Amino acid sequence: MASLSGFTTWVCAQDEDIFPAGDPSKGIGELGLPPLEPRSLNDDQVRSLKNICDRLHRFYQLKGRRWAKGEAPVLANGRPLRDRVIVYTLLSTGLRREELVKLDLDQLVPNEVDILRKARQGQIVRVQGKGKTERTVFLSADARSALADYLEQERPGIRVIIQKRFF
């Protein structure tokens, strides 16, 4: 509508005789657009993404005939458990990328790995969102399990978690 209004205003400015009654777009309001609805993944997409995350260690393994018979070691910079917990946390909580990056381990409740694995509910408190807002998000059972695996295997020195970055 804005393009049409701009065009008719320009035509009237060039030659006033083309529209004897004046600018035909005067008085016509803008068209209202429906509010944007958030897009989300459907169940099949979530299931597919989780299946890929559960097989990430294969993508990070060394390739070749040398490793064909046994379990191949993971590449030096490969961190499949970290990548898996990132995806599971994002799927479970709906956090923004910026919010996920700023998380500290002291925000995790419960904050002991053994208790986290057995807990019926886990949450991340004081998540800093847009506009200096704070909120609490809850972790699904899959996300709690992935997080416990990550903390046990990739960060084994941490039994009780005290003020360290998540990733």
C-alpha atoms as a PDB file:
ATOM      1  CA  MET A   1       0.000   0.000   0.000  1.00  0.00           C
ATOM      2  CA  ALA A   2       2.866   2.369   0.762  1.00  0.00           C
ATOM      3  CA  SER A   3       4.280   1.870  -2.742  1.00  0.00           C
ATOM      4  CA  LEU A   4       0.942   2.653  -4.370  1.00  0.00           C
ATOM      5  CA  SER A   5       0.469   5.732  -2.199  1.00  0.00           C
ATOM      6  CA  GLY A   6       3.957   6.968  -3.029  1.00  0.00           C
ATOM      7  CA  PHE A   7       3.346   6.436  -6.731  1.00  0.00           C
ATOM      8  CA  THR A   8       0.023   8.308  -6.806  1.00  0.00           C
ATOM      9  CA  THR A   9       1.521  11.171  -4.785  1.00  0.00           C
ATOM     10  CA  TRP A  10       4.362  11.402  -7.308  1.00  0.00           C
ATOM     11  CA  VAL A  11       1.940  11.322 -10.263  1.00  0.00           C
ATOM     12  CA  CYS A  12      -0.136  14.132  -8.696  1.00  0.00           C
ATOM     13  CA  ALA A  13       3.018  16.179  -8.185  1.00  0.00           C
ATOM     14  CA  GLN A  14       4.011  15.717 -11.838  1.00  0.00           C
ATOM     15  CA  ASP A  15       0.626  16.502 -13.378  1.00  0.00           C
ATOM     16  CA  GLU A  16      -2.397  17.492 -11.294  1.00  0.00           C
ATOM     17  CA  ASP A  17      -4.823  16.931 -14.202  1.00  0.00           C
ATOM     18  CA  ILE A  18      -4.338  13.151 -14.260  1.00  0.00           C
ATOM     19  CA  PHE A  19      -6.448  12.703 -11.106  1.00  0.00           C
ATOM     20  CA  PRO A  20      -9.134  15.434 -11.197  1.00  0.00           C
ATOM     21  CA  ALA A  21     -10.472  14.519  -7.735  1.00  0.00           C
ATOM     22  CA  GLY A  22      -7.011  14.653  -6.208  1.00  0.00           C
ATOM     23  CA  ASP A  23      -4.759  11.933  -4.889  1.00  0.00           C
ATOM     24  CA  PRO A  24      -6.835   8.703  -4.823  1.00  0.00           C
ATOM     25  CA  SER A  25      -4.670   7.172  -2.089  1.00  0.00           C
ATOM     26  CA  LYS A  26      -5.470   9.908   0.458  1.00  0.00           C
ATOM     27  CA  GLY A  27      -7.497   8.607   3.383  1.00  0.00           C
ATOM     28  CA  ILE A  28      -6.696   4.956   2.774  1.00  0.00           C
ATOM     29  CA  GLY A  29      -5.138   3.402   5.850  1.00  0.00           C
ATOM     30  CA  GLU A  30      -2.361   0.872   5.978  1.00  0.00           C
ATOM     31  CA  LEU A  31      -3.292  -2.769   5.826  1.00  0.00           C
ATOM     32  CA  GLY A  32      -2.952  -4.527   9.157  1.00  0.00           C
ATOM     33  CA  LEU A  33      -0.712  -7.548   9.181  1.00  0.00           C
ATOM     34  CA  PRO A  34      -1.411 -10.539  11.381  1.00  0.00           C
ATOM     35  CA  PRO A  35       0.957 -10.829  14.341  1.00  0.00           C
ATOM     36  CA  LEU A  36       3.984 -13.000  13.724  1.00  0.00           C
ATOM     37  CA  GLU A  37       3.700 -16.402  15.300  1.00  0.00           C
ATOM     38  CA  PRO A  38       6.827 -18.042  16.643  1.00  0.00           C
ATOM     39  CA  ARG A  39       8.073 -20.874  14.498  1.00  0.00           C
ATOM     40  CA  SER A  40       8.884 -24.093  16.243  1.00  0.00           C
ATOM     41  CA  LEU A  41      10.144 -27.508  15.302  1.00  0.00           C
ATOM     42  CA  ASN A  42       7.600 -30.268  14.868  1.00  0.00           C
ATOM     43  CA  ASP A  43       7.920 -33.591  16.703  1.00  0.00           C
ATOM     44  CA  ASP A  44       9.676 -35.359  13.813  1.00  0.00           C
ATOM     45  CA  GLN A  45      12.269 -32.594  13.540  1.00  0.00           C
ATOM     46  CA  VAL A  46      12.950 -32.698  17.294  1.00  0.00           C
ATOM     47  CA  ARG A  47      13.278 -36.490  17.217  1.00  0.00           C
ATOM     48  CA  SER A  48      15.646 -36.323  14.232  1.00  0.00           C
ATOM     49  CA  LEU A  49      17.787 -33.659  15.906  1.00  0.00           C
ATOM     50  CA  LYS A  50      18.037 -35.711  19.104  1.00  0.00           C
ATOM     51  CA  ASN A  51      19.004 -38.824  17.119  1.00  0.00           C
ATOM     52  CA  ILE A  52      21.803 -36.912  15.409  1.00  0.00           C
ATOM     53  CA  CYS A  53      23.011 -35.549  18.755  1.00  0.00           C
ATOM     54  CA  ASP A  54      23.118 -39.046  20.215  1.00  0.00           C
ATOM     55  CA  ARG A  55      25.451 -40.096  17.363  1.00  0.00           C
ATOM     56  CA  LEU A  56      27.749 -37.058  17.417  1.00  0.00           C
ATOM     57  CA  HIS A  57      30.710 -39.049  18.738  1.00  0.00           C
ATOM     58  CA  ARG A  58      30.846 -40.895  15.377  1.00  0.00           C
ATOM     59  CA  PHE A  59      31.274 -37.620  13.502  1.00  0.00           C
ATOM     60  CA  TYR A  60      34.155 -36.583  15.757  1.00  0.00           C
ATOM     61  CA  GLN A  61      36.050 -39.879  15.525  1.00  0.00           C
ATOM     62  CA  LEU A  62      39.181 -40.302  13.445  1.00  0.00           C
ATOM     63  CA  LYS A  63      38.496 -41.974  10.099  1.00  0.00           C
ATOM     64  CA  GLY A  64      40.437 -44.517   8.064  1.00  0.00           C
ATOM     65  CA  ARG A  65      41.444 -48.169   7.843  1.00  0.00           C
ATOM     66  CA  ARG A  66      43.623 -47.868  10.902  1.00  0.00           C
ATOM     67  CA  TRP A  67      40.554 -47.427  13.110  1.00  0.00           C
ATOM     68  CA  ALA A  68      38.168 -49.736  11.229  1.00  0.00           C
ATOM     69  CA  LYS A  69      38.281 -52.629  13.702  1.00  0.00           C
ATOM     70  CA  GLY A  70      38.299 -50.904  17.059  1.00  0.00           C
ATOM     71  CA  GLU A  71      36.836 -47.831  18.673  1.00  0.00           C
ATOM     72  CA  ALA A  72      38.470 -44.807  17.068  1.00  0.00           C
ATOM     73  CA  PRO A  73      39.597 -41.948  19.290  1.00  0.00           C
ATOM     74  CA  VAL A  74      37.818 -38.618  19.091  1.00  0.00           C
ATOM     75  CA  LEU A  75      39.499 -35.725  17.298  1.00  0.00           C
ATOM     76  CA  ALA A  76      41.523 -33.430  19.549  1.00  0.00           C
ATOM     77  CA  ASN A  77      39.074 -30.539  19.267  1.00  0.00           C
ATOM     78  CA  GLY A  78      35.927 -32.671  19.136  1.00  0.00           C
ATOM     79  CA  ARG A  79      33.565 -32.301  22.070  1.00  0.00           C
ATOM     80  CA  PRO A  80      30.474 -34.351  21.234  1.00  0.00           C
ATOM     81  CA  LEU A  81      29.087 -34.381  24.783  1.00  0.00           C
ATOM     82  CA  ARG A  82      29.263 -30.596  25.024  1.00  0.00           C
ATOM     83  CA  ASP A  83      27.555 -30.175  21.654  1.00  0.00           C
ATOM     84  CA  ARG A  84      24.884 -32.687  22.659  1.00  0.00           C
ATOM     85  CA  VAL A  85      24.088 -30.905  25.933  1.00  0.00           C
ATOM     86  CA  ILE A  86      23.930 -27.544  24.133  1.00  0.00           C
ATOM     87  CA  VAL A  87      21.300 -28.826  21.697  1.00  0.00           C
ATOM     88  CA  TYR A  88      19.326 -30.648  24.403  1.00  0.00           C
ATOM     89  CA  THR A  89      19.349 -27.551  26.635  1.00  0.00           C
ATOM     90  CA  LEU A  90      18.196 -25.297  23.808  1.00  0.00           C
ATOM     91  CA  LEU A  91      15.407 -27.726  22.878  1.00  0.00           C
ATOM     92  CA  SER A  92      14.323 -28.207  26.485  1.00  0.00           C
ATOM     93  CA  THR A  93      14.360 -24.617  27.688  1.00  0.00           C
ATOM     94  CA  GLY A  94      13.900 -22.395  24.649  1.00  0.00           C
ATOM     95  CA  LEU A  95      16.852 -20.237  25.673  1.00  0.00           C
ATOM     96  CA  ARG A  96      18.340 -17.763  23.239  1.00  0.00           C
ATOM     97  CA  ARG A  97      21.925 -18.309  22.119  1.00  0.00           C
ATOM     98  CA  GLU A  98      23.132 -15.304  24.110  1.00  0.00           C
ATOM     99  CA  GLU A  99      21.398 -16.576  27.269  1.00  0.00           C
ATOM    100  CA  LEU A 100      22.978 -20.013  26.890  1.00  0.00           C
ATOM    101  CA  VAL A 101      26.484 -18.595  26.473  1.00  0.00           C
ATOM    102  CA  LYS A 102      26.201 -16.513  29.657  1.00  0.00           C
ATOM    103  CA  LEU A 103      25.162 -19.417  31.901  1.00  0.00           C
ATOM    104  CA  ASP A 104      27.261 -20.320  34.934  1.00  0.00           C
ATOM    105  CA  LEU A 105      27.196 -23.706  36.610  1.00  0.00           C
ATOM    106  CA  ASP A 106      26.112 -22.168  39.926  1.00  0.00           C
ATOM    107  CA  GLN A 107      22.783 -21.345  38.258  1.00  0.00           C
ATOM    108  CA  LEU A 108      22.023 -25.064  37.920  1.00  0.00           C
ATOM    109  CA  VAL A 109      19.682 -26.536  40.542  1.00  0.00           C
ATOM    110  CA  PRO A 110      20.441 -29.192  41.808  1.00  0.00           C
ATOM    111  CA  ASN A 111      24.123 -28.463  41.503  1.00  0.00           C
ATOM    112  CA  GLU A 112      25.578 -31.903  42.244  1.00  0.00           C
ATOM    113  CA  VAL A 113      26.031 -34.259  39.312  1.00  0.00           C
ATOM    114  CA  ASP A 114      24.737 -37.372  41.115  1.00  0.00           C
ATOM    115  CA  ILE A 115      21.656 -35.566  42.394  1.00  0.00           C
ATOM    116  CA  LEU A 116      21.063 -33.965  38.986  1.00  0.00           C
ATOM    117  CA  ARG A 117      20.950 -37.368  37.307  1.00  0.00           C
ATOM    118  CA  LYS A 118      18.403 -38.743  39.823  1.00  0.00           C
ATOM    119  CA  ALA A 119      16.350 -35.564  40.293  1.00  0.00           C
ATOM    120  CA  ARG A 120      12.734 -35.434  39.201  1.00  0.00           C
ATOM    121  CA  GLN A 121      13.187 -31.839  38.147  1.00  0.00           C
ATOM    122  CA  GLY A 122      16.105 -29.611  37.285  1.00  0.00           C
ATOM    123  CA  GLN A 123      16.174 -25.930  36.629  1.00  0.00           C
ATOM    124  CA  ILE A 124      18.435 -23.085  35.662  1.00  0.00           C
ATOM    125  CA  VAL A 125      17.783 -20.011  37.786  1.00  0.00           C
ATOM    126  CA  ARG A 126      18.541 -16.326  37.201  1.00  0.00           C
ATOM    127  CA  VAL A 127      18.790 -16.616  33.408  1.00  0.00           C
ATOM    128  CA  GLN A 128      19.623 -13.131  32.105  1.00  0.00           C
ATOM    129  CA  GLY A 129      17.296 -12.366  29.200  1.00  0.00           C
ATOM    130  CA  LYS A 130      16.577  -9.390  27.011  1.00  0.00           C
ATOM    131  CA  GLY A 131      15.863  -6.120  28.753  1.00  0.00           C
ATOM    132  CA  LYS A 132      17.682  -7.119  31.959  1.00  0.00           C
ATOM    133  CA  THR A 133      14.972  -9.632  32.801  1.00  0.00           C
ATOM    134  CA  GLU A 134      15.664 -12.691  34.922  1.00  0.00           C
ATOM    135  CA  ARG A 135      13.765 -15.935  34.685  1.00  0.00           C
ATOM    136  CA  THR A 136      13.913 -19.564  35.700  1.00  0.00           C
ATOM    137  CA  VAL A 137      13.800 -22.323  33.087  1.00  0.00           C
ATOM    138  CA  PHE A 138      13.235 -26.022  33.657  1.00  0.00           C
ATOM    139  CA  LEU A 139      15.250 -28.870  32.161  1.00  0.00           C
ATOM    140  CA  SER A 140      13.688 -31.976  30.652  1.00  0.00           C
ATOM    141  CA  ALA A 141      14.842 -35.436  31.718  1.00  0.00           C
ATOM    142  CA  ASP A 142      16.872 -35.781  28.490  1.00  0.00           C
ATOM    143  CA  ALA A 143      18.606 -32.448  29.084  1.00  0.00           C
ATOM    144  CA  ARG A 144      19.390 -33.340  32.722  1.00  0.00           C
ATOM    145  CA  SER A 145      20.852 -36.674  31.653  1.00  0.00           C
ATOM    146  CA  ALA A 146      22.932 -35.078  28.864  1.00  0.00           C
ATOM    147  CA  LEU A 147      24.172 -32.403  31.265  1.00  0.00           C
ATOM    148  CA  ALA A 148      25.150 -34.994  33.881  1.00  0.00           C
ATOM    149  CA  ASP A 149      27.018 -37.041  31.228  1.00  0.00           C
ATOM    150  CA  TYR A 150      28.855 -33.925  30.063  1.00  0.00           C
ATOM    151  CA  LEU A 151      29.869 -32.898  33.580  1.00  0.00           C
ATOM    152  CA  GLU A 152      31.006 -36.420  34.510  1.00  0.00           C
ATOM    153  CA  GLN A 153      32.960 -37.247  31.362  1.00  0.00           C
ATOM    154  CA  GLU A 154      34.263 -33.955  29.945  1.00  0.00           C
ATOM    155  CA  ARG A 155      34.628 -32.063  33.229  1.00  0.00           C
ATOM    156  CA  PRO A 156      35.359 -34.849  35.721  1.00  0.00           C
ATOM    157  CA  GLY A 157      37.008 -32.694  38.400  1.00  0.00           C
ATOM    158  CA  ILE A 158      33.734 -31.022  39.298  1.00  0.00           C
ATOM    159  CA  ARG A 159      31.648 -32.890  41.890  1.00  0.00           C
ATOM    160  CA  VAL A 160      29.989 -29.889  43.498  1.00  0.00           C
ATOM    161  CA  ILE A 161      29.679 -27.124  40.965  1.00  0.00           C
ATOM    162  CA  ILE A 162      30.869 -23.668  42.030  1.00  0.00           C
ATOM    163  CA  GLN A 163      30.852 -20.633  39.715  1.00  0.00           C
ATOM    164  CA  LYS A 164      32.220 -21.975  36.479  1.00  0.00           C
ATOM    165  CA  ARG A 165      30.972 -21.404  32.967  1.00  0.00           C
ATOM    166  CA  PHE A 166      28.667 -24.040  31.521  1.00  0.00           C
ATOM    167  CA  PHE A 167      30.559 -24.526  28.274  1.00  0.00           C
END
